[in-house]
Amino acid sequence: MYKLSRGVPLLFALIVVMIVTIILSACQSEASRTTDSHPKLKMSAATLVIVDVEFSDRFPPSCSSGPTCQKAKKGNKILIVWLEREDGGDINEISEKLFGEVIPFLTGSTDKAYVIDNDGIKTGLAVANVTGSRYALVFAPPDSAQGFKLIWPNNLEIDLRK
């Protein structure tokens, strides 16, 4: 049997600390890589992250009828861009500021904020609304449209991958 010198426990502790540090930094960079993979939309109220893009025949997608249920007109579909705050804060805290920024675009105009499809057809913003913990930008493009990009003032073009 042999004796360990005093330096061995210290060396062992340093190795354990280094291994734990490497593991934690790998986990942290994986988390930031996931967040960074979502496109961002910078607005004056906050920077929002696009967390999902979906098609539906109505908005909100789970509604069945009633005054808050907006169904797509014949020949159109509903394209919903779901956003959350980049800082993880409550979207309801800034909903009035967001609405104030978005209201000029709710005319359906395609000169500032819109989606454009592969064929170059522009569709203006139809609805903007807080739904639960997310903010929704809603467009009603033609049924046949695909390959959407979001065009928004003071932002780069965002490929919605739909």
N, C-alpha and C. Protein backbone atom coordinates (compact mmCIF):
# COMPACT_ATOMS: atom_id res chain seq x y z
N MET A 1 0.84 -1.16 0.00
CA MET A 1 0.00 0.00 0.00
C MET A 1 0.89 1.24 0.00
N TYR A 2 0.44 2.30 -0.65
CA TYR A 2 1.24 3.52 -0.72
C TYR A 2 0.45 4.70 -0.18
N LYS A 3 1.17 5.74 0.23
CA LYS A 3 0.54 6.94 0.79
C LYS A 3 0.34 7.99 -0.30
N LEU A 4 -0.77 8.72 -0.18
CA LEU A 4 -1.01 9.84 -1.09
C LEU A 4 -0.35 11.08 -0.51
N SER A 5 0.27 11.85 -1.36
CA SER A 5 0.85 13.10 -0.87
C SER A 5 -0.25 14.13 -0.70
N ARG A 6 0.09 15.23 -0.02
CA ARG A 6 -0.91 16.29 0.22
C ARG A 6 -1.41 16.91 -1.07
N GLY A 7 -0.61 16.94 -2.09
CA GLY A 7 -0.98 17.59 -3.35
C GLY A 7 -2.02 16.81 -4.13
N VAL A 8 -2.13 15.52 -3.90
CA VAL A 8 -3.06 14.70 -4.68
C VAL A 8 -4.52 15.10 -4.43
N PRO A 9 -4.98 15.27 -3.17
CA PRO A 9 -6.37 15.70 -2.98
C PRO A 9 -6.65 17.05 -3.63
N LEU A 10 -5.71 17.96 -3.57
CA LEU A 10 -5.88 19.26 -4.20
C LEU A 10 -5.97 19.12 -5.71
N LEU A 11 -5.10 18.30 -6.29
CA LEU A 11 -5.13 18.06 -7.73
C LEU A 11 -6.46 17.42 -8.13
N PHE A 12 -6.91 16.45 -7.34
CA PHE A 12 -8.18 15.78 -7.61
C PHE A 12 -9.33 16.80 -7.57
N ALA A 13 -9.35 17.68 -6.58
CA ALA A 13 -10.39 18.70 -6.45
C ALA A 13 -10.37 19.64 -7.66
N LEU A 14 -9.19 20.03 -8.11
CA LEU A 14 -9.09 20.91 -9.28
C LEU A 14 -9.63 20.21 -10.53
N ILE A 15 -9.33 18.94 -10.68
CA ILE A 15 -9.83 18.19 -11.84
C ILE A 15 -11.35 18.11 -11.80
N VAL A 16 -11.93 17.85 -10.63
CA VAL A 16 -13.38 17.79 -10.49
C VAL A 16 -14.01 19.14 -10.83
N VAL A 17 -13.43 20.22 -10.33
CA VAL A 17 -13.94 21.57 -10.62
C VAL A 17 -13.87 21.84 -12.12
N MET A 18 -12.80 21.47 -12.77
CA MET A 18 -12.67 21.69 -14.22
C MET A 18 -13.73 20.90 -14.99
N ILE A 19 -13.95 19.66 -14.60
CA ILE A 19 -14.94 18.84 -15.28
C ILE A 19 -16.34 19.43 -15.11
N VAL A 20 -16.68 19.82 -13.91
CA VAL A 20 -17.99 20.43 -13.65
C VAL A 20 -18.14 21.72 -14.45
N THR A 21 -17.10 22.54 -14.51
CA THR A 21 -17.14 23.80 -15.27
C THR A 21 -17.37 23.51 -16.76
N ILE A 22 -16.70 22.53 -17.30
CA ILE A 22 -16.86 22.17 -18.72
C ILE A 22 -18.29 21.71 -18.98
N ILE A 23 -18.82 20.87 -18.11
CA ILE A 23 -20.19 20.38 -18.28
C ILE A 23 -21.19 21.53 -18.22
N LEU A 24 -21.05 22.42 -17.25
CA LEU A 24 -21.97 23.55 -17.11
C LEU A 24 -21.89 24.50 -18.29
N SER A 25 -20.70 24.77 -18.78
CA SER A 25 -20.57 25.68 -19.92
C SER A 25 -21.14 25.05 -21.18
N ALA A 26 -21.02 23.73 -21.33
CA ALA A 26 -21.62 23.05 -22.48
C ALA A 26 -23.13 23.15 -22.41
N CYS A 27 -23.71 22.97 -21.23
CA CYS A 27 -25.17 23.10 -21.06
C CYS A 27 -25.63 24.52 -21.36
N GLN A 28 -24.88 25.50 -20.88
CA GLN A 28 -25.25 26.89 -21.09
C GLN A 28 -25.17 27.26 -22.56
N SER A 29 -24.12 26.83 -23.26
CA SER A 29 -24.01 27.20 -24.67
C SER A 29 -25.07 26.48 -25.49
N GLU A 30 -25.49 25.26 -25.08
CA GLU A 30 -26.57 24.57 -25.77
C GLU A 30 -27.87 25.34 -25.60
N ALA A 31 -28.13 25.87 -24.41
CA ALA A 31 -29.35 26.65 -24.17
C ALA A 31 -29.34 27.92 -24.99
N SER A 32 -28.22 28.62 -25.06
CA SER A 32 -28.18 29.85 -25.83
C SER A 32 -28.26 29.56 -27.32
N ARG A 33 -27.73 28.42 -27.76
CA ARG A 33 -27.83 28.05 -29.16
C ARG A 33 -29.29 27.85 -29.52
N THR A 34 -30.07 27.24 -28.64
CA THR A 34 -31.49 27.03 -28.88
C THR A 34 -32.22 28.36 -28.99
N THR A 35 -31.97 29.29 -28.09
CA THR A 35 -32.61 30.60 -28.12
C THR A 35 -32.18 31.38 -29.37
N ASP A 36 -30.88 31.31 -29.70
CA ASP A 36 -30.38 32.07 -30.83
C ASP A 36 -30.89 31.55 -32.17
N SER A 37 -31.39 30.31 -32.21
CA SER A 37 -31.87 29.76 -33.46
C SER A 37 -33.23 30.34 -33.86
N HIS A 38 -33.92 30.98 -32.94
CA HIS A 38 -35.21 31.59 -33.25
C HIS A 38 -35.00 33.01 -33.77
N PRO A 39 -35.63 33.34 -34.90
CA PRO A 39 -35.51 34.71 -35.40
C PRO A 39 -36.09 35.71 -34.41
N LYS A 40 -35.53 36.91 -34.42
CA LYS A 40 -35.96 37.97 -33.51
C LYS A 40 -36.61 39.09 -34.28
N LEU A 41 -37.61 39.70 -33.66
CA LEU A 41 -38.29 40.85 -34.22
C LEU A 41 -38.13 41.99 -33.23
N LYS A 42 -37.40 43.01 -33.64
CA LYS A 42 -37.15 44.14 -32.74
C LYS A 42 -38.27 45.16 -32.90
N MET A 43 -38.88 45.46 -31.76
CA MET A 43 -39.93 46.47 -31.73
C MET A 43 -39.54 47.47 -30.66
N SER A 44 -40.16 48.63 -30.64
CA SER A 44 -39.76 49.63 -29.65
C SER A 44 -40.07 49.19 -28.22
N ALA A 45 -41.13 48.40 -28.04
CA ALA A 45 -41.51 47.94 -26.70
C ALA A 45 -40.58 46.86 -26.16
N ALA A 46 -40.05 46.01 -27.06
CA ALA A 46 -39.19 44.90 -26.64
C ALA A 46 -38.71 44.15 -27.88
N THR A 47 -37.72 43.31 -27.68
CA THR A 47 -37.31 42.39 -28.72
C THR A 47 -38.10 41.11 -28.50
N LEU A 48 -38.78 40.67 -29.56
CA LEU A 48 -39.59 39.47 -29.48
C LEU A 48 -38.94 38.36 -30.28
N VAL A 49 -39.17 37.13 -29.86
CA VAL A 49 -38.61 35.95 -30.51
C VAL A 49 -39.75 35.20 -31.17
N ILE A 50 -39.55 34.83 -32.43
CA ILE A 50 -40.56 34.03 -33.13
C ILE A 50 -40.40 32.59 -32.64
N VAL A 51 -41.40 32.12 -31.91
CA VAL A 51 -41.32 30.77 -31.33
C VAL A 51 -42.08 29.74 -32.15
N ASP A 52 -42.98 30.19 -33.00
CA ASP A 52 -43.73 29.24 -33.83
C ASP A 52 -44.41 30.01 -34.96
N VAL A 53 -44.65 29.31 -36.04
CA VAL A 53 -45.41 29.84 -37.16
C VAL A 53 -46.36 28.71 -37.57
N GLU A 54 -47.64 29.03 -37.68
CA GLU A 54 -48.58 27.97 -38.02
C GLU A 54 -49.67 28.47 -38.95
N PHE A 55 -50.27 27.52 -39.67
CA PHE A 55 -51.43 27.80 -40.50
C PHE A 55 -52.67 27.30 -39.77
N SER A 56 -53.78 27.97 -40.01
CA SER A 56 -55.05 27.56 -39.44
C SER A 56 -56.14 28.05 -40.37
N ASP A 57 -57.36 27.65 -40.09
CA ASP A 57 -58.49 28.20 -40.84
C ASP A 57 -59.23 29.23 -40.01
N ARG A 58 -58.66 29.52 -38.77
CA ARG A 58 -59.30 30.48 -37.87
C ARG A 58 -58.28 31.02 -36.87
N PHE A 59 -58.66 32.12 -36.24
CA PHE A 59 -57.84 32.66 -35.15
C PHE A 59 -58.76 33.10 -34.03
N PRO A 60 -58.43 32.74 -32.79
CA PRO A 60 -57.39 31.80 -32.37
C PRO A 60 -57.66 30.40 -32.93
N PRO A 61 -56.60 29.62 -33.13
CA PRO A 61 -56.73 28.30 -33.76
C PRO A 61 -57.69 27.35 -33.05
N SER A 62 -57.86 27.50 -31.75
CA SER A 62 -58.70 26.57 -30.99
C SER A 62 -60.16 27.03 -30.87
N CYS A 63 -60.50 28.18 -31.42
CA CYS A 63 -61.88 28.68 -31.26
C CYS A 63 -62.83 27.90 -32.16
N SER A 64 -64.11 27.91 -31.78
CA SER A 64 -65.11 27.24 -32.61
C SER A 64 -66.13 28.22 -33.18
N SER A 65 -66.52 29.20 -32.37
CA SER A 65 -67.44 30.23 -32.84
C SER A 65 -67.44 31.38 -31.84
N GLY A 66 -68.20 32.41 -32.16
CA GLY A 66 -68.28 33.56 -31.27
C GLY A 66 -67.60 34.77 -31.85
N PRO A 67 -67.75 35.91 -31.17
CA PRO A 67 -67.23 37.17 -31.70
C PRO A 67 -65.70 37.24 -31.76
N THR A 68 -65.02 36.46 -30.94
CA THR A 68 -63.55 36.51 -30.96
C THR A 68 -62.96 35.48 -31.91
N CYS A 69 -63.78 34.67 -32.52
CA CYS A 69 -63.31 33.64 -33.45
C CYS A 69 -63.38 34.19 -34.87
N GLN A 70 -62.24 34.39 -35.49
CA GLN A 70 -62.18 34.93 -36.83
C GLN A 70 -61.77 33.84 -37.80
N LYS A 71 -62.68 33.50 -38.71
CA LYS A 71 -62.43 32.43 -39.67
C LYS A 71 -61.91 33.02 -40.98
N ALA A 72 -61.06 32.25 -41.65
CA ALA A 72 -60.51 32.69 -42.93
C ALA A 72 -61.62 32.74 -43.98
N LYS A 73 -61.54 33.74 -44.84
CA LYS A 73 -62.49 33.83 -45.95
C LYS A 73 -62.16 32.73 -46.95
N LYS A 74 -63.14 32.37 -47.76
CA LYS A 74 -62.94 31.34 -48.78
C LYS A 74 -61.79 31.78 -49.70
N GLY A 75 -60.86 30.87 -49.94
CA GLY A 75 -59.71 31.17 -50.80
C GLY A 75 -58.49 31.67 -50.02
N ASN A 76 -58.65 31.83 -48.70
CA ASN A 76 -57.53 32.29 -47.86
C ASN A 76 -57.27 31.29 -46.74
N LYS A 77 -56.13 31.43 -46.12
CA LYS A 77 -55.79 30.68 -44.91
C LYS A 77 -55.26 31.67 -43.90
N ILE A 78 -55.17 31.25 -42.68
CA ILE A 78 -54.65 32.10 -41.61
C ILE A 78 -53.21 31.69 -41.32
N LEU A 79 -52.31 32.66 -41.36
CA LEU A 79 -50.90 32.45 -41.03
C LEU A 79 -50.65 33.19 -39.71
N ILE A 80 -50.24 32.44 -38.69
CA ILE A 80 -50.03 33.04 -37.37
C ILE A 80 -48.54 32.97 -37.02
N VAL A 81 -47.98 34.12 -36.70
CA VAL A 81 -46.59 34.21 -36.24
C VAL A 81 -46.65 34.43 -34.73
N TRP A 82 -46.22 33.41 -33.97
CA TRP A 82 -46.27 33.48 -32.51
C TRP A 82 -44.96 34.04 -31.96
N LEU A 83 -45.07 35.02 -31.08
CA LEU A 83 -43.91 35.70 -30.52
C LEU A 83 -43.93 35.66 -28.99
N GLU A 84 -42.75 35.63 -28.41
CA GLU A 84 -42.59 35.77 -26.96
C GLU A 84 -41.47 36.78 -26.72
N ARG A 85 -41.44 37.34 -25.53
CA ARG A 85 -40.38 38.29 -25.19
C ARG A 85 -39.04 37.57 -25.11
N GLU A 86 -38.03 38.19 -25.67
CA GLU A 86 -36.69 37.62 -25.62
C GLU A 86 -36.18 37.54 -24.19
N ASP A 87 -36.54 38.52 -23.37
CA ASP A 87 -36.05 38.54 -21.98
C ASP A 87 -36.85 37.62 -21.06
N GLY A 88 -37.83 36.90 -21.61
CA GLY A 88 -38.61 35.96 -20.82
C GLY A 88 -39.70 36.61 -19.98
N GLY A 89 -39.86 37.92 -20.08
CA GLY A 89 -40.87 38.63 -19.30
C GLY A 89 -42.29 38.35 -19.78
N ASP A 90 -43.23 38.81 -19.02
CA ASP A 90 -44.65 38.63 -19.32
C ASP A 90 -45.06 39.54 -20.47
N ILE A 91 -45.57 38.96 -21.53
CA ILE A 91 -45.98 39.72 -22.71
C ILE A 91 -47.11 40.69 -22.38
N ASN A 92 -47.93 40.35 -21.38
CA ASN A 92 -49.05 41.22 -21.00
C ASN A 92 -48.57 42.56 -20.44
N GLU A 93 -47.37 42.59 -19.87
CA GLU A 93 -46.82 43.83 -19.31
C GLU A 93 -46.57 44.88 -20.38
N ILE A 94 -46.33 44.44 -21.62
CA ILE A 94 -46.03 45.39 -22.70
C ILE A 94 -47.07 45.36 -23.82
N SER A 95 -48.19 44.70 -23.58
CA SER A 95 -49.19 44.52 -24.65
C SER A 95 -49.72 45.85 -25.19
N GLU A 96 -49.94 46.84 -24.31
CA GLU A 96 -50.43 48.14 -24.79
C GLU A 96 -49.41 48.83 -25.67
N LYS A 97 -48.13 48.76 -25.29
CA LYS A 97 -47.07 49.36 -26.12
C LYS A 97 -46.98 48.65 -27.47
N LEU A 98 -47.07 47.32 -27.44
CA LEU A 98 -47.03 46.56 -28.69
C LEU A 98 -48.20 46.93 -29.59
N PHE A 99 -49.38 47.01 -29.00
CA PHE A 99 -50.56 47.34 -29.80
C PHE A 99 -50.41 48.74 -30.40
N GLY A 100 -49.89 49.68 -29.61
CA GLY A 100 -49.68 51.04 -30.12
C GLY A 100 -48.72 51.07 -31.29
N GLU A 101 -47.74 50.19 -31.26
CA GLU A 101 -46.77 50.14 -32.36
C GLU A 101 -47.34 49.44 -33.59
N VAL A 102 -48.21 48.49 -33.38
CA VAL A 102 -48.73 47.66 -34.47
C VAL A 102 -49.97 48.27 -35.13
N ILE A 103 -50.73 49.07 -34.40
CA ILE A 103 -52.02 49.57 -34.91
C ILE A 103 -51.93 50.25 -36.29
N PRO A 104 -50.87 50.98 -36.62
CA PRO A 104 -50.84 51.57 -37.97
C PRO A 104 -50.80 50.53 -39.09
N PHE A 105 -50.39 49.31 -38.76
CA PHE A 105 -50.27 48.27 -39.78
C PHE A 105 -51.54 47.44 -39.92
N LEU A 106 -52.49 47.63 -39.04
CA LEU A 106 -53.71 46.81 -39.05
C LEU A 106 -54.69 47.20 -40.15
N THR A 107 -54.31 48.11 -40.99
CA THR A 107 -55.15 48.51 -42.11
C THR A 107 -55.09 47.49 -43.24
N GLY A 108 -54.17 46.53 -43.14
CA GLY A 108 -53.99 45.57 -44.23
C GLY A 108 -53.03 46.10 -45.27
N SER A 109 -52.52 47.30 -45.05
CA SER A 109 -51.58 47.90 -46.00
C SER A 109 -50.32 47.03 -46.10
N THR A 110 -49.75 47.01 -47.29
CA THR A 110 -48.54 46.20 -47.50
C THR A 110 -47.32 47.08 -47.79
N ASP A 111 -47.33 48.31 -47.33
CA ASP A 111 -46.18 49.17 -47.60
C ASP A 111 -45.15 49.17 -46.48
N LYS A 112 -45.46 48.65 -45.29
CA LYS A 112 -44.49 48.65 -44.20
C LYS A 112 -44.32 47.31 -43.51
N ALA A 113 -45.40 46.69 -43.08
CA ALA A 113 -45.35 45.42 -42.35
C ALA A 113 -46.26 44.42 -43.06
N TYR A 114 -45.66 43.32 -43.51
CA TYR A 114 -46.43 42.34 -44.28
C TYR A 114 -45.64 41.04 -44.39
N VAL A 115 -46.30 40.02 -44.94
CA VAL A 115 -45.59 38.80 -45.35
C VAL A 115 -45.61 38.78 -46.87
N ILE A 116 -44.59 38.18 -47.43
CA ILE A 116 -44.50 38.04 -48.88
C ILE A 116 -44.22 36.58 -49.18
N ASP A 117 -44.90 36.03 -50.19
CA ASP A 117 -44.71 34.62 -50.50
C ASP A 117 -43.73 34.45 -51.66
N ASN A 118 -43.50 33.20 -52.04
CA ASN A 118 -42.54 32.89 -53.12
C ASN A 118 -42.91 33.55 -54.45
N ASP A 119 -44.18 33.81 -54.67
CA ASP A 119 -44.62 34.44 -55.92
C ASP A 119 -44.59 35.96 -55.86
N GLY A 120 -44.16 36.52 -54.72
CA GLY A 120 -44.08 37.97 -54.58
C GLY A 120 -45.38 38.62 -54.14
N ILE A 121 -46.36 37.81 -53.75
CA ILE A 121 -47.64 38.36 -53.30
C ILE A 121 -47.51 38.79 -51.84
N LYS A 122 -47.86 40.05 -51.60
CA LYS A 122 -47.78 40.62 -50.25
C LYS A 122 -49.13 40.52 -49.56
N THR A 123 -49.10 40.22 -48.26
CA THR A 123 -50.32 40.18 -47.46
C THR A 123 -50.09 41.00 -46.20
N GLY A 124 -50.94 41.99 -45.98
CA GLY A 124 -50.81 42.86 -44.82
C GLY A 124 -51.30 42.21 -43.54
N LEU A 125 -50.94 42.82 -42.44
CA LEU A 125 -51.32 42.34 -41.11
C LEU A 125 -52.83 42.48 -40.91
N ALA A 126 -53.47 41.39 -40.47
CA ALA A 126 -54.92 41.40 -40.26
C ALA A 126 -55.27 41.57 -38.79
N VAL A 127 -54.51 40.91 -37.90
CA VAL A 127 -54.81 40.93 -36.46
C VAL A 127 -53.49 40.87 -35.70
N ALA A 128 -53.43 41.56 -34.57
CA ALA A 128 -52.32 41.43 -33.62
C ALA A 128 -52.96 41.31 -32.25
N ASN A 129 -52.57 40.29 -31.51
CA ASN A 129 -53.28 40.05 -30.26
C ASN A 129 -52.43 39.26 -29.28
N VAL A 130 -52.61 39.53 -28.00
CA VAL A 130 -52.00 38.71 -26.95
C VAL A 130 -52.92 37.52 -26.72
N THR A 131 -52.36 36.33 -26.79
CA THR A 131 -53.11 35.11 -26.53
C THR A 131 -52.31 34.29 -25.54
N GLY A 132 -52.78 34.25 -24.31
CA GLY A 132 -52.03 33.56 -23.26
C GLY A 132 -50.74 34.31 -22.97
N SER A 133 -49.62 33.63 -23.09
CA SER A 133 -48.32 34.25 -22.82
C SER A 133 -47.59 34.64 -24.10
N ARG A 134 -48.30 34.56 -25.23
CA ARG A 134 -47.66 34.87 -26.51
C ARG A 134 -48.38 35.99 -27.24
N TYR A 135 -47.65 36.62 -28.14
CA TYR A 135 -48.20 37.68 -28.98
C TYR A 135 -48.34 37.10 -30.38
N ALA A 136 -49.46 37.34 -31.01
CA ALA A 136 -49.71 36.78 -32.33
C ALA A 136 -49.81 37.88 -33.39
N LEU A 137 -49.09 37.71 -34.47
CA LEU A 137 -49.27 38.51 -35.67
C LEU A 137 -49.99 37.61 -36.65
N VAL A 138 -51.13 38.06 -37.15
CA VAL A 138 -51.99 37.21 -37.96
C VAL A 138 -52.16 37.81 -39.36
N PHE A 139 -51.97 36.97 -40.36
CA PHE A 139 -52.09 37.37 -41.76
C PHE A 139 -53.08 36.41 -42.43
N ALA A 140 -53.71 36.84 -43.54
CA ALA A 140 -54.66 36.00 -44.25
C ALA A 140 -54.29 35.91 -45.73
N PRO A 141 -53.21 35.19 -46.04
CA PRO A 141 -52.78 35.07 -47.43
C PRO A 141 -53.65 34.09 -48.23
N PRO A 142 -53.49 34.08 -49.55
CA PRO A 142 -54.24 33.12 -50.36
C PRO A 142 -53.88 31.67 -49.98
N ASP A 143 -54.84 30.77 -50.15
CA ASP A 143 -54.64 29.35 -49.83
C ASP A 143 -53.40 28.76 -50.50
N SER A 144 -53.15 29.16 -51.73
CA SER A 144 -52.05 28.56 -52.50
C SER A 144 -50.68 29.13 -52.14
N ALA A 145 -50.64 30.20 -51.38
CA ALA A 145 -49.37 30.86 -51.07
C ALA A 145 -48.48 29.99 -50.17
N GLN A 146 -47.17 30.11 -50.38
CA GLN A 146 -46.19 29.39 -49.57
C GLN A 146 -44.85 30.10 -49.64
N GLY A 147 -43.92 29.70 -48.77
CA GLY A 147 -42.58 30.30 -48.76
C GLY A 147 -42.58 31.72 -48.22
N PHE A 148 -43.15 31.92 -47.05
CA PHE A 148 -43.35 33.26 -46.51
C PHE A 148 -42.11 33.86 -45.87
N LYS A 149 -41.99 35.17 -46.06
CA LYS A 149 -40.99 35.98 -45.36
C LYS A 149 -41.74 37.13 -44.71
N LEU A 150 -41.31 37.47 -43.48
CA LEU A 150 -41.92 38.58 -42.76
C LEU A 150 -41.09 39.83 -43.01
N ILE A 151 -41.77 40.87 -43.43
CA ILE A 151 -41.14 42.18 -43.63
C ILE A 151 -41.71 43.09 -42.54
N TRP A 152 -40.82 43.66 -41.73
CA TRP A 152 -41.26 44.50 -40.61
C TRP A 152 -40.32 45.70 -40.52
N PRO A 153 -40.85 46.90 -40.27
CA PRO A 153 -40.00 48.10 -40.21
C PRO A 153 -38.82 47.93 -39.24
N ASN A 154 -37.68 48.43 -39.66
CA ASN A 154 -36.44 48.43 -38.86
C ASN A 154 -35.93 47.04 -38.49
N ASN A 155 -36.29 46.03 -39.29
CA ASN A 155 -35.81 44.67 -39.09
C ASN A 155 -35.38 44.11 -40.44
N LEU A 156 -34.50 43.14 -40.39
CA LEU A 156 -34.15 42.43 -41.61
C LEU A 156 -35.30 41.51 -41.99
N GLU A 157 -35.35 41.13 -43.25
CA GLU A 157 -36.35 40.18 -43.72
C GLU A 157 -36.19 38.86 -42.95
N ILE A 158 -37.29 38.28 -42.50
CA ILE A 158 -37.25 37.04 -41.72
C ILE A 158 -37.94 35.93 -42.49
N ASP A 159 -37.20 34.88 -42.79
CA ASP A 159 -37.75 33.70 -43.45
C ASP A 159 -38.56 32.92 -42.43
N LEU A 160 -39.85 32.77 -42.65
CA LEU A 160 -40.73 32.09 -41.71
C LEU A 160 -40.73 30.57 -41.89
N ARG A 161 -40.08 30.09 -42.92
CA ARG A 161 -39.96 28.64 -43.20
C ARG A 161 -41.31 27.95 -43.31
N LYS A 162 -42.25 28.63 -43.88
CA LYS A 162 -43.59 28.05 -44.13
C LYS A 162 -44.02 28.37 -45.55
